[in-house]
Every structure is written in structure tokens, then in C-alpha cells.
Protein backbone atom coordinates (compact mmCIF):
# COMPACT_ATOMS: atom_id res chain seq x y z
CA UNK A 1 -0.02 0.01 0.07
CA UNK A 2 1.65 3.28 -0.57
CA UNK A 3 2.31 5.85 -3.34
CA UNK A 4 6.15 5.01 -4.42
CA UNK A 5 8.14 8.00 -6.05
CA UNK A 6 10.42 6.60 -8.97
CA UNK A 7 14.16 8.65 -9.38
CA UNK A 8 15.30 5.69 -11.79
CA UNK A 9 14.50 2.78 -14.51
CA UNK A 10 13.50 2.33 -17.59
CA UNK A 11 10.14 1.50 -19.48
CA UNK A 12 11.26 -0.84 -22.60
CA UNK A 13 8.75 -0.90 -25.86
CA UNK A 14 8.11 -3.46 -28.04
CA UNK A 15 7.99 -2.15 -32.13
CA UNK A 16 5.74 -4.99 -33.18
CA UNK A 17 8.75 -7.57 -32.79
CA UNK A 18 11.26 -4.71 -35.06
CA UNK A 19 12.84 -2.91 -32.60
CA UNK A 20 13.26 -2.97 -28.75
CA UNK A 21 13.66 0.56 -27.40
CA UNK A 22 14.67 1.85 -23.81
CA UNK A 23 13.01 4.97 -22.34
CA UNK A 24 14.76 6.24 -19.13
CA UNK A 25 11.90 6.85 -16.84
CA UNK A 26 11.88 10.64 -15.49
CA UNK A 27 12.51 11.35 -11.78
CA UNK A 28 9.66 11.85 -10.23
CA UNK A 29 6.95 9.36 -11.67
CA UNK A 30 4.70 7.59 -9.57
CA UNK A 31 3.34 3.75 -8.94
CA UNK A 32 -0.03 4.17 -6.73
CA UNK A 33 -0.05 0.73 -4.62
CA UNK A 34 -3.52 -0.39 -3.36
CA UNK A 35 -3.41 -3.92 -2.29
CA UNK A 36 -3.53 -6.29 -5.05
CA UNK A 37 -0.84 -5.97 -7.37
CA UNK A 38 -2.76 -6.30 -10.58
CA UNK A 39 -4.51 -2.95 -9.76
CA UNK A 40 -1.17 -0.64 -9.69
CA UNK A 41 -2.04 2.45 -11.10
CA UNK A 42 1.00 4.56 -12.40
CA UNK A 43 1.43 7.69 -13.88
CA UNK A 44 4.68 7.50 -15.68
CA UNK A 45 6.82 9.49 -17.69
CA UNK A 46 9.79 8.34 -19.74
CA UNK A 47 12.15 9.36 -22.35
CA UNK A 48 14.64 8.35 -25.05
CA UNK A 49 17.14 11.11 -26.53
CA UNK A 50 17.55 11.05 -30.01
CA UNK A 51 19.97 13.52 -32.66
CA UNK A 52 17.95 14.72 -35.27
CA UNK A 53 18.29 17.35 -38.08
CA UNK A 54 15.75 19.86 -38.16
CA UNK A 55 16.27 20.56 -41.70
CA UNK A 56 14.41 17.49 -42.33
CA UNK A 57 11.44 18.52 -40.77
CA UNK A 58 11.33 21.82 -43.10
CA UNK A 59 14.16 22.92 -45.14
CA UNK A 60 14.30 26.55 -43.88
CA UNK A 61 16.03 25.20 -41.03
CA UNK A 62 18.64 24.82 -42.93
CA UNK A 63 19.81 28.46 -42.69
CA UNK A 64 22.84 29.75 -40.49
CA UNK A 65 20.28 30.69 -37.44
CA UNK A 66 19.75 27.13 -36.53
CA UNK A 67 21.86 24.43 -35.27
CA UNK A 68 22.22 21.68 -37.97
CA UNK A 69 21.49 18.73 -35.34
CA UNK A 70 19.41 18.80 -32.28
CA UNK A 71 18.95 16.73 -29.04
CA UNK A 72 14.91 15.48 -29.08
CA UNK A 73 13.69 13.95 -26.55
CA UNK A 74 10.73 11.64 -27.41
CA UNK A 75 8.03 11.76 -24.78
CA UNK A 76 5.87 8.51 -23.34
CA UNK A 77 3.43 9.21 -21.42
CA UNK A 78 1.87 6.27 -19.82
CA UNK A 79 -1.16 6.60 -16.78
CA UNK A 80 -3.93 4.17 -15.60
CA UNK A 81 -3.81 0.63 -14.74
CA UNK A 82 -2.80 -2.62 -16.54
CA UNK A 83 -5.88 -3.18 -17.27
CA UNK A 84 -7.08 0.23 -19.09
CA UNK A 85 -3.52 2.49 -19.65
CA UNK A 86 -3.71 5.93 -21.24
CA UNK A 87 -0.65 6.41 -23.57
CA UNK A 88 0.56 9.77 -24.96
CA UNK A 89 3.61 11.08 -27.44
CA UNK A 90 5.22 13.84 -27.08
CA UNK A 91 8.56 15.59 -28.34
CA UNK A 92 10.54 17.94 -26.47
CA UNK A 93 13.77 20.36 -27.33
CA UNK A 94 15.49 19.87 -23.92
CA UNK A 95 18.70 22.53 -25.41
CA UNK A 96 16.65 24.47 -28.02
CA UNK A 97 15.88 28.04 -27.84
CA UNK A 98 12.84 29.17 -27.49
CA UNK A 99 12.54 30.36 -31.32
CA UNK A 100 13.54 26.79 -32.61
CA UNK A 101 11.36 24.92 -29.87
CA UNK A 102 8.36 27.81 -31.45
CA UNK A 103 8.98 26.76 -35.05
CA UNK A 104 9.36 23.14 -34.22
CA UNK A 105 6.25 23.36 -32.28
CA UNK A 106 4.32 24.71 -35.01
CA UNK A 107 5.29 21.82 -37.18
CA UNK A 108 3.93 19.44 -34.54
CA UNK A 109 1.19 21.03 -32.97
CA UNK A 110 -1.48 18.45 -33.01
CA UNK A 111 -1.85 15.22 -31.73
CA UNK A 112 -1.28 13.15 -35.09
CA UNK A 113 1.19 14.91 -35.74
CA UNK A 114 3.26 14.20 -32.10
CA UNK A 115 2.70 10.44 -32.84
CA UNK A 116 3.88 10.48 -36.15
CA UNK A 117 6.97 12.68 -35.41
CA UNK A 118 7.37 10.18 -31.99
CA UNK A 119 7.32 7.52 -33.82
CA UNK A 120 9.55 8.12 -36.47
CA UNK A 121 12.50 9.66 -34.30
CA UNK A 122 12.56 6.51 -31.91
CA UNK A 123 12.13 4.24 -35.19
CA UNK A 124 14.55 5.87 -37.05
CA UNK A 125 16.45 8.59 -35.35
CA UNK A 126 15.12 11.51 -37.18
CA UNK A 127 12.49 13.84 -38.28
CA UNK A 128 9.38 12.79 -40.84
CA UNK A 129 9.13 15.23 -43.77
CA UNK A 130 6.46 15.33 -45.47
CA UNK A 131 4.78 18.77 -46.40
CA UNK A 132 1.21 17.24 -47.22
CA UNK A 133 1.88 15.96 -43.24
CA UNK A 134 1.66 19.31 -41.80
CA UNK A 135 -0.70 21.98 -41.99
CA UNK A 136 0.54 25.35 -40.75
């Protein structure tokens, strides 16, 4: 019984038996125990860092004002319990300046785009590029 705050650890994700990925659990994630281990609730945030080229997302990032490659955290959110969980996908630029973050967020603003970019980044280490995919 009780709440447990995670300080470190890993979540392993299996992509259709093609690729197994490891995500680092973010400090502060929680487990909530209520007796039966199968009823344990969780609120876990985990991430996998990749280094990706911004110009793959949009050619305008190729100018001198932007770094050619940037660290991108692919963020996996897991909430619920073993029977019913909600999984969310997001990305973050831990070292990007405000301008870079704002520009990237303008290209990746919907949940569908976040999921698509998350999948591309964790599977290939690169942004998915398709002008048809983005509505500015």
C-alpha cells in the first residue's frame, strides 16, 4: 500500500517485434499501490533522446540561424493501470532556444503529428518530412 516516487529506471517498448527500445523513466514518476499488485496505478513519464536534423522537418531550418542537429527527447506518457492505460506521445527540445522550440511546435502541433514524429524519431532517429502532413 502507498505511493512510490520513481527516481530512475527504464520502460522497454517493443515496436511490433521489429525493434526494442529503452526509455529512461523521468524522476518524479509515480506508482500507486492499493493492495492487489494487478490494481497498481501508474503515472510514468519516460524519454528516449535522439539527435536529429531540423532541416528534415523543414528545409527552412538549413539556414545559419539554426543548428544542423539538435537533441530531441521522445516523451512517452503512461497513465492508468494494467487493464486500462492511456499512452501519450510528445517531443521536447531540451537544449533548443525559444525560437527553435516555437518553430518546431508550429510544425508539430496536433496529437496526430506528435505521434507521427515520435514514431519516426524513435524508429529512425530522424524527423518525418512531408509537406502534405503539416497544416500551418
